[in-house]
């Protein structure tokens, strides 16, 4: 039986051009290599799963490559690249600061720095989760970080920059990684689906990208999970919402139609159906708030780009937005927001949401009466 390799590892970028959604980082690093302006210490900051450690490894491989390409990418064919790809490079040292955070661990690292590389130009030290180091370990590291030998380069990676002491920050060149855009994650998932011969619906891929909240690694983990769950090599929207336990867009469109019609009975029946499917009332009200916000931005062509959904769903938003007045949307958003804030404190949470829905169902009538009174 062939060993399964998760997509996050199988499709881990091996050069700068394959890094997703961090063009400002990769361009700067390639220019630094091109102009021989490499700093002695880098600090890669940003949320989880956006490519910090991956970029650190690519940089380490590229600066030691013996036949660097004209666009300053590693060749993947020289002895140095092959050793790196096989995890056998003596020039790249990785330390997990989460489990090696004592003064002794840093002293051992500093001791290693004294020895020049036997082969290649640089010795690269990648310290992951560097914010986990103790203050004493940070202080033991300061002098080496400020004045390392010319062959030593330190790359520190962290998800929590605010926990790193200022004396370390001032010695590093800081790179801030962005959350990856939904469109970029969707494109990458589409590429992987093509490579794996998986027939994937566009809406399913976009839903996974949205759920990942800007972290590509999370998106790939969800992708693997749903592919495993699905029958055959197909990835459908319905299976995705079922597996991720997400409410379908259809429910929110139906709720808004009922609210606009002032049909309290219909709204309460739809909410009851949602609860019977095992969804939480709080998640529903948060989702409804997001739906109302998306309708609000759909009212103006200048802000339509702020909703990141597929073209077919965008058309539905545009259509429903035409039927809603701005007054209704603002009032409904306010009611939903108050319901969200007070939900945890409510003793009868179902009634709390139902009351909010009933208020919203009466909004069109109230707005109409207010207009007549003028």
Protein backbone atom coordinates (compact mmCIF):
# COMPACT_ATOMS: atom_id res chain seq x y z
CA UNK A 1 0.00 0.00 0.00
CA UNK A 2 1.43 3.34 -1.07
CA UNK A 3 2.08 5.84 1.73
CA UNK A 4 -0.23 8.86 1.57
CA UNK A 5 1.45 12.27 1.68
CA UNK A 6 -0.75 15.20 2.70
CA UNK A 7 -1.11 17.93 0.08
CA UNK A 8 0.53 20.56 2.31
CA UNK A 9 3.77 18.51 2.15
CA UNK A 10 3.42 17.05 -1.34
CA UNK A 11 2.85 20.46 -2.95
CA UNK A 12 5.10 22.51 -0.67
CA UNK A 13 6.74 25.20 -2.84
CA UNK A 14 10.34 24.41 -3.79
CA UNK A 15 11.24 27.79 -5.33
CA UNK A 16 10.24 31.44 -5.01
CA UNK A 17 7.92 31.51 -8.02
CA UNK A 18 5.78 28.67 -6.62
CA UNK A 19 5.10 30.52 -3.33
CA UNK A 20 1.42 31.53 -3.23
CA UNK A 21 0.27 35.07 -2.42
CA UNK A 22 3.54 36.51 -1.01
CA UNK A 23 4.92 38.31 -4.07
CA UNK A 24 6.24 41.26 -2.02
CA UNK A 25 8.37 38.87 0.08
CA UNK A 26 9.74 36.70 -2.75
CA UNK A 27 10.60 39.72 -4.93
CA UNK A 28 12.54 41.37 -2.08
CA UNK A 29 14.44 38.15 -1.27
CA UNK A 30 15.35 37.54 -4.93
CA UNK A 31 16.55 41.14 -5.27
CA UNK A 32 18.65 40.73 -2.12
CA UNK A 33 20.32 37.65 -3.66
CA UNK A 34 20.74 39.41 -7.02
CA UNK A 35 22.39 42.52 -5.50
CA UNK A 36 24.26 40.57 -2.81
CA UNK A 37 22.44 42.54 -0.09
CA UNK A 38 21.61 39.66 2.23
CA UNK A 39 21.05 40.68 5.85
CA UNK A 40 22.67 38.60 8.58
CA UNK A 41 19.28 38.08 10.30
CA UNK A 42 15.73 37.89 8.96
CA UNK A 43 12.49 37.83 10.95
CA UNK A 44 9.52 36.31 9.12
CA UNK A 45 6.23 37.27 10.83
CA UNK A 46 2.65 36.44 9.98
CA UNK A 47 -0.31 34.15 10.72
CA UNK A 48 -0.05 30.36 10.55
CA UNK A 49 0.11 28.50 7.24
CA UNK A 50 1.12 31.40 4.98
CA UNK A 51 4.62 30.25 3.98
CA UNK A 52 7.11 31.61 6.57
CA UNK A 53 9.10 28.41 7.10
CA UNK A 54 8.74 27.49 3.41
CA UNK A 55 10.26 30.83 2.32
CA UNK A 56 13.04 30.40 4.89
CA UNK A 57 13.92 26.98 3.43
CA UNK A 58 13.77 28.25 -0.16
CA UNK A 59 16.08 31.16 0.74
CA UNK A 60 18.49 28.77 2.48
CA UNK A 61 18.56 26.46 -0.55
CA UNK A 62 18.90 29.28 -3.11
CA UNK A 63 21.83 31.13 -1.53
CA UNK A 64 23.87 27.89 -1.40
CA UNK A 65 22.92 26.75 -4.92
CA UNK A 66 26.00 26.16 -7.12
CA UNK A 67 24.23 26.89 -10.44
CA UNK A 68 21.71 29.61 -9.59
CA UNK A 69 19.36 30.37 -12.50
CA UNK A 70 19.21 33.76 -14.33
CA UNK A 71 15.98 34.61 -12.44
CA UNK A 72 17.72 33.78 -9.13
CA UNK A 73 16.02 30.47 -8.39
CA UNK A 74 17.71 27.31 -7.11
CA UNK A 75 18.59 24.81 -9.86
CA UNK A 76 17.49 21.68 -7.88
CA UNK A 77 20.23 19.73 -9.68
CA UNK A 78 23.54 20.63 -8.03
CA UNK A 79 24.94 18.68 -5.06
CA UNK A 80 23.88 21.38 -2.59
CA UNK A 81 20.26 21.44 -3.84
CA UNK A 82 20.05 17.64 -3.90
CA UNK A 83 21.40 17.42 -0.35
CA UNK A 84 18.85 20.03 0.77
CA UNK A 85 15.95 18.27 -0.99
CA UNK A 86 16.94 15.00 0.73
CA UNK A 87 17.13 16.69 4.16
CA UNK A 88 20.86 15.92 4.24
CA UNK A 89 22.36 19.41 3.97
CA UNK A 90 25.00 20.28 6.59
CA UNK A 91 24.59 23.98 5.82
CA UNK A 92 20.97 24.31 6.95
CA UNK A 93 20.07 23.87 10.61
CA UNK A 94 16.48 24.03 11.84
CA UNK A 95 15.59 24.56 15.46
CA UNK A 96 12.08 24.35 16.88
CA UNK A 97 12.09 27.01 19.59
CA UNK A 98 8.82 25.66 21.03
CA UNK A 99 10.63 22.59 22.38
CA UNK A 100 14.22 23.94 22.48
CA UNK A 101 13.71 27.22 24.30
CA UNK A 102 16.31 27.15 27.07
CA UNK A 103 19.62 29.03 27.40
CA UNK A 104 21.53 25.75 26.88
CA UNK A 105 19.80 25.13 23.54
CA UNK A 106 20.81 28.59 22.29
CA UNK A 107 24.36 28.18 23.62
CA UNK A 108 24.68 24.93 21.66
CA UNK A 109 23.47 26.78 18.56
CA UNK A 110 25.96 29.64 19.12
CA UNK A 111 28.71 27.05 19.53
CA UNK A 112 27.87 25.55 16.11
CA UNK A 113 28.00 28.99 14.45
CA UNK A 114 31.75 29.19 15.10
CA UNK A 115 32.45 26.48 12.48
CA UNK A 116 32.57 27.60 8.85
CA UNK A 117 30.73 25.54 6.19
CA UNK A 118 32.79 22.72 4.63
CA UNK A 119 30.97 23.16 1.34
CA UNK A 120 28.89 26.04 0.03
CA UNK A 121 28.94 29.73 0.92
CA UNK A 122 26.53 30.07 3.85
CA UNK A 123 25.38 28.27 6.97
CA UNK A 124 21.71 29.05 7.54
CA UNK A 125 20.00 28.72 10.92
CA UNK A 126 16.19 28.61 10.78
CA UNK A 127 14.56 29.09 14.19
CA UNK A 128 10.83 28.38 14.06
CA UNK A 129 8.32 29.73 16.64
CA UNK A 130 11.11 31.99 17.94
CA UNK A 131 8.69 33.84 20.29
CA UNK A 132 8.75 30.72 22.52
CA UNK A 133 12.38 31.36 23.57
CA UNK A 134 12.81 32.44 27.19
CA UNK A 135 14.16 35.93 27.95
CA UNK A 136 17.44 34.43 29.09
CA UNK A 137 17.73 32.49 25.80
CA UNK A 138 17.01 35.69 23.83
CA UNK A 139 19.75 37.52 25.76
CA UNK A 140 22.23 34.69 25.17
CA UNK A 141 21.50 35.03 21.45
CA UNK A 142 21.88 38.82 21.16
CA UNK A 143 25.63 39.17 20.53
CA UNK A 144 25.78 36.39 17.95
CA UNK A 145 22.74 37.80 16.14
CA UNK A 146 24.30 41.28 15.98
CA UNK A 147 27.79 40.24 14.86
CA UNK A 148 27.66 36.77 13.32
CA UNK A 149 30.46 35.41 11.10
CA UNK A 150 30.07 36.49 7.45
CA UNK A 151 29.00 32.94 6.44
CA UNK A 152 26.17 32.69 9.01
CA UNK A 153 22.58 33.77 8.28
CA UNK A 154 19.75 33.53 10.81
CA UNK A 155 16.11 33.26 9.76
CA UNK A 156 13.64 33.56 12.63
CA UNK A 157 9.97 32.73 12.08
CA UNK A 158 7.10 33.64 14.37
CA UNK A 159 3.33 34.00 14.49
CA UNK A 160 3.55 36.43 17.44
CA UNK A 161 5.97 39.28 16.75
CA UNK A 162 4.79 41.26 19.81
CA UNK A 163 6.32 38.60 22.10
CA UNK A 164 9.84 39.14 20.76
CA UNK A 165 12.02 41.54 22.74
CA UNK A 166 12.89 44.86 21.02
CA UNK A 167 16.65 44.19 21.11
CA UNK A 168 16.10 41.13 18.86
CA UNK A 169 13.72 43.02 16.53
CA UNK A 170 16.24 45.83 16.03
CA UNK A 171 18.89 43.34 14.84
CA UNK A 172 16.66 41.71 12.19
CA UNK A 173 15.32 42.60 8.77
CA UNK A 174 11.58 42.16 9.30
CA UNK A 175 9.26 40.65 6.68
CA UNK A 176 5.52 40.70 7.33
CA UNK A 177 3.64 37.89 5.57
CA UNK A 178 0.04 38.54 4.49
CA UNK A 179 -2.99 36.36 4.92
CA UNK A 180 -3.45 34.71 1.52
CA UNK A 181 -6.36 36.02 -0.56
CA UNK A 182 -9.35 33.74 -1.23
CA UNK A 183 -8.80 33.94 -5.00
CA UNK A 184 -5.14 32.87 -4.67
CA UNK A 185 -6.05 29.90 -2.44
CA UNK A 186 -8.85 28.89 -4.85
CA UNK A 187 -6.46 29.00 -7.83
CA UNK A 188 -3.91 26.86 -5.96
CA UNK A 189 -6.57 24.32 -4.94
CA UNK A 190 -7.75 24.17 -8.57
CA UNK A 191 -4.17 23.45 -9.67
CA UNK A 192 -3.79 20.65 -7.08
CA UNK A 193 -7.18 19.16 -8.04
CA UNK A 194 -5.98 19.07 -11.66
CA UNK A 195 -2.69 17.40 -10.67
CA UNK A 196 -4.53 14.78 -8.59
CA UNK A 197 -7.15 14.19 -11.35
CA UNK A 198 -9.94 15.32 -9.01
CA UNK A 199 -13.08 16.81 -10.50
CA UNK A 200 -13.81 19.78 -8.23
CA UNK A 201 -16.69 22.24 -8.34
CA UNK A 202 -15.57 25.88 -8.33
CA UNK A 203 -17.96 26.78 -5.50
CA UNK A 204 -16.59 23.95 -3.33
CA UNK A 205 -13.00 25.17 -3.77
CA UNK A 206 -14.03 28.75 -2.97
CA UNK A 207 -15.85 27.58 0.17
CA UNK A 208 -12.71 25.74 1.36
CA UNK A 209 -10.62 28.85 0.65
CA UNK A 210 -13.05 31.01 2.65
CA UNK A 211 -13.11 28.57 5.58
CA UNK A 212 -9.27 28.52 5.69
CA UNK A 213 -9.24 32.21 6.72
CA UNK A 214 -6.10 33.14 4.77
CA UNK A 215 -4.02 30.08 5.75
CA UNK A 216 -3.05 27.95 2.76
CA UNK A 217 -1.99 25.00 4.93
CA UNK A 218 -5.44 24.94 6.56
CA UNK A 219 -7.05 25.03 3.10
CA UNK A 220 -4.97 22.04 1.96
CA UNK A 221 -5.85 20.09 5.12
CA UNK A 222 -9.58 20.73 4.55
CA UNK A 223 -9.16 19.81 0.86
CA UNK A 224 -7.58 16.45 1.79
CA UNK A 225 -10.33 15.78 4.34
CA UNK A 226 -13.16 16.38 1.87
CA UNK A 227 -11.48 14.42 -0.94
CA UNK A 228 -11.18 11.48 1.49
CA UNK A 229 -14.86 11.87 2.45
CA UNK A 230 -16.11 12.11 -1.17
CA UNK A 231 -16.99 9.14 -3.32
CA UNK A 232 -14.61 8.71 -6.26
CA UNK A 233 -12.48 11.59 -7.52
CA UNK A 234 -15.18 14.22 -7.21
CA UNK A 235 -15.39 17.18 -4.89
CA UNK A 236 -18.85 18.73 -4.82
CA UNK A 237 -20.26 21.82 -3.14
CA UNK A 238 -22.98 19.83 -1.31
CA UNK A 239 -20.47 17.36 0.17
CA UNK A 240 -18.24 20.26 1.21
CA UNK A 241 -20.95 22.14 3.13
CA UNK A 242 -22.12 18.87 4.66
CA UNK A 243 -18.63 17.88 5.83
CA UNK A 244 -17.62 21.34 7.07
CA UNK A 245 -21.04 21.83 8.69
CA UNK A 246 -21.58 25.18 6.96
CA UNK A 247 -24.98 26.69 6.18
CA UNK A 248 -25.69 26.89 2.46
CA UNK A 249 -26.05 30.35 0.86
CA UNK A 250 -29.59 29.26 -0.14
CA UNK A 251 -30.80 29.44 3.47
CA UNK A 252 -29.72 33.06 3.86
CA UNK A 253 -31.28 34.06 0.54
CA UNK A 254 -34.56 32.34 1.60
CA UNK A 255 -34.49 34.04 5.02
CA UNK A 256 -33.99 37.47 3.40
CA UNK A 257 -36.84 36.85 0.93
CA UNK A 258 -39.15 35.96 3.85
CA UNK A 259 -38.00 39.00 5.85
CA UNK A 260 -38.61 41.33 2.91
CA UNK A 261 -42.09 39.84 2.50
CA UNK A 262 -42.77 40.39 6.23
CA UNK A 263 -43.61 36.69 6.57
CA UNK A 264 -42.84 35.90 10.23
CA UNK A 265 -44.19 32.32 10.06
CA UNK A 266 -41.96 31.42 7.10
CA UNK A 267 -38.86 32.92 8.75
CA UNK A 268 -39.45 30.97 11.99
CA UNK A 269 -40.00 27.72 10.06
CA UNK A 270 -36.74 28.18 8.12
CA UNK A 271 -34.88 28.89 11.39
CA UNK A 272 -36.43 25.75 12.95
CA UNK A 273 -35.24 23.70 9.95
CA UNK A 274 -31.72 25.10 10.40
CA UNK A 275 -31.70 24.18 14.11
CA UNK A 276 -32.97 20.63 13.33
CA UNK A 277 -29.99 20.18 10.99
CA UNK A 278 -27.74 20.68 14.02
CA UNK A 279 -26.61 24.25 13.38
CA UNK A 280 -26.07 26.67 16.25
CA UNK A 281 -28.29 29.75 16.57
CA UNK A 282 -25.23 31.95 17.15
CA UNK A 283 -23.52 30.74 13.98
CA UNK A 284 -26.74 31.40 12.07
CA UNK A 285 -27.04 35.00 13.29
CA UNK A 286 -23.35 35.65 12.53
CA UNK A 287 -23.86 34.19 9.04
CA UNK A 288 -26.98 36.32 8.52
CA UNK A 289 -25.03 39.44 9.56
CA UNK A 290 -22.36 38.61 6.96
CA UNK A 291 -25.08 38.04 4.34
CA UNK A 292 -26.63 41.45 5.09
CA UNK A 293 -23.19 43.07 4.90
CA UNK A 294 -22.59 41.43 1.49
CA UNK A 295 -25.95 42.72 0.29
CA UNK A 296 -25.02 46.21 1.49
CA UNK A 297 -21.74 46.26 -0.46
CA UNK A 298 -23.60 44.84 -3.50
CA UNK A 299 -25.71 48.01 -3.62
CA UNK A 300 -22.80 49.98 -5.11
CA UNK A 301 -20.72 48.90 -8.11
CA UNK A 302 -17.64 50.50 -6.48
CA UNK A 303 -17.82 48.13 -3.47
CA UNK A 304 -19.01 44.93 -5.20
CA UNK A 305 -15.39 43.68 -5.27
CA UNK A 306 -15.51 43.44 -1.45
CA UNK A 307 -17.57 40.23 -1.61
CA UNK A 308 -15.42 37.26 -2.54
CA UNK A 309 -17.81 34.69 -3.97
CA UNK A 310 -18.18 32.98 -7.34
CA UNK A 311 -19.79 34.84 -10.26
CA UNK A 312 -23.05 32.85 -10.03
CA UNK A 313 -23.50 33.68 -6.32
CA UNK A 314 -22.49 37.31 -6.97
CA UNK A 315 -25.35 37.56 -9.46
CA UNK A 316 -27.78 36.38 -6.76
CA UNK A 317 -26.42 39.00 -4.35
CA UNK A 318 -26.83 41.75 -6.96
CA UNK A 319 -30.39 40.62 -7.70
CA UNK A 320 -31.45 40.45 -4.03
CA UNK A 321 -29.68 43.75 -3.23
CA UNK A 322 -31.92 45.50 -5.77
CA UNK A 323 -34.98 44.35 -3.82
CA UNK A 324 -33.69 45.67 -0.46
CA UNK A 325 -33.53 49.31 0.57
CA UNK A 326 -30.45 50.71 2.31
CA UNK A 327 -32.67 51.64 5.31
CA UNK A 328 -33.81 48.02 5.66
CA UNK A 329 -30.27 46.64 5.40
CA UNK A 330 -28.84 49.10 7.95
CA UNK A 331 -31.66 48.47 10.45
CA UNK A 332 -31.42 44.68 9.99
CA UNK A 333 -27.62 44.81 10.40
CA UNK A 334 -28.06 46.72 13.65
CA UNK A 335 -30.61 44.18 14.99
CA UNK A 336 -28.36 41.24 14.01
CA UNK A 337 -25.32 42.88 15.58
CA UNK A 338 -27.15 43.45 18.88
CA UNK A 339 -28.42 39.85 18.81
CA UNK A 340 -24.84 38.61 18.27
CA UNK A 341 -23.46 40.72 21.17
CA UNK A 342 -26.19 39.66 23.63
CA UNK A 343 -26.51 36.00 22.53
CA UNK A 344 -24.19 34.50 25.17
CA UNK A 345 -25.92 36.35 28.03
CA UNK A 346 -29.42 35.22 26.97
CA UNK A 347 -31.14 32.51 29.04
CA UNK A 348 -33.42 31.49 26.13
CA UNK A 349 -31.10 31.70 23.13
CA UNK A 350 -33.55 30.31 20.58
CA UNK A 351 -36.17 32.92 21.51
CA UNK A 352 -33.46 35.60 21.44
CA UNK A 353 -32.72 34.84 17.75
CA UNK A 354 -36.42 34.42 16.89
CA UNK A 355 -37.18 37.83 18.40
CA UNK A 356 -34.47 39.41 16.25
CA UNK A 357 -35.96 37.70 13.15
CA UNK A 358 -39.47 38.93 14.03
CA UNK A 359 -38.20 42.50 14.44
CA UNK A 360 -36.49 42.29 11.03
CA UNK A 361 -39.65 40.90 9.42
CA UNK A 362 -41.53 44.00 10.57
CA UNK A 363 -38.88 46.42 9.25
CA UNK A 364 -40.31 46.80 5.68
CA UNK A 365 -43.70 47.76 7.16
CA UNK A 366 -42.12 50.21 9.65
CA UNK A 367 -40.00 51.83 6.89
CA UNK A 368 -43.09 52.14 4.67
CA UNK A 369 -45.12 53.79 7.46
CA UNK A 370 -42.24 56.18 8.25
CA UNK A 371 -42.08 57.19 4.59
CA UNK A 372 -45.88 57.87 4.55
CA UNK A 373 -45.63 59.98 7.71
CA UNK A 374 -43.21 62.32 5.95
